[in-house]
């Protein structure tokens, strides 16, 4: 989920819970969490970005939301987000706004895009010091819109990618944004997952090794071996993996474009979004992924650092500073952070290769047909594997 601060003003971004203790505006006959918009909502056509119709019957969705008291009048839909993951829609009846999230059209890779699982972890974190969208409803059947989906509250905020929100766009403000980003990740990893009801949410034993095998199968289902540098980097990773950190809730896609910032100071996150890859496992996977997708000056960009180009500006912490701040906040040493960063880049290369093949087969998002996407991730990993024969 990402949209630049230039194109995603606060009134149009999605889904965080207000700070603890903040009162929601009263709306008779609406359940808690169905948050009214700040002022009238401009008319929006029920179309996805690019002008295509949503891949479901909008009338059925409207009836479902009416039945739960989440809307009153006819609804309009607007597709929000970067469009390469689960499909997310801002839904309005002219008075109230909610957000609906469902999987993309099939085929779906094994274990991917499980929105019911995604909603579960957000509900579990509702009382924890990690800002998450409030889940209003979960529909596990395909009867309403042809796929499972969930509904979450809409609250103002900014998803920033290429530019820091204007009120924070100073060296001090940018540093505070970067620190808030890693502080929130540390807070997530400090949550007692068993006490939060997520004791059975994952299989932490052997998490990293199993994770590598599972991702390899996405593009090598028959086990013939990955080609070229993609396979060589996997061999490097499995040859000498680090001892895992103590299990924690792992987000799986924690980066600048998947969090929502408050529009003004002090810099703070009001929501962490896109929990579809969450599990219980080695938390340093999240640290490596954050660093792999965090743009720094002087490096050739890849597809994910292009989406976080805001952090190229003066004031943002370096990757080393982020890692050190995380270690101090969690009491966890991170000596193998380069290995975890290389692992994250390999995973991204695998996922983009899978999507590239889908496009070649006439399905999927044409974005992934752009030349050089997979190679960009592999090139970013090379400095981290110095001395390896890749």
Foldseek 3Di string as FASTA:
>chain_A
DFDAQVPAAQQRDFFWDPPPPDDADDDPQADPFQGWGDDWDPDAAQDEPVRHHPQFDQVLVVVVCVVNRSADARKHWYWDDPPAFWTKIWIDRGTTTKMKTWGDDDDDFPLFGPAVLLLVVLVLCPPFPAIAFAWDAWACDCVRTRTTMTMTHTGTFHQHAQADQPQQRDLQSQQLQQLQLLLNLLSQQPDPCVVSVCPPFADAVVVVVVVLVSLVCLVVVPPPADDDLLRLLSCVLVVDPDDADDKGKEQQQRESRQFTWHNHPPTHTRHGHDSRPIGIYRNLLNLLLHLLLDDEPPDDDAPRVSRRNNCNDRNHDHSVVSQVSSCVSNVDDPPPSLSSNLVNLSSQLSVLVSQCVQVVVVDHDCVSVDPPRSVRSSVVSVVSSPPRDD
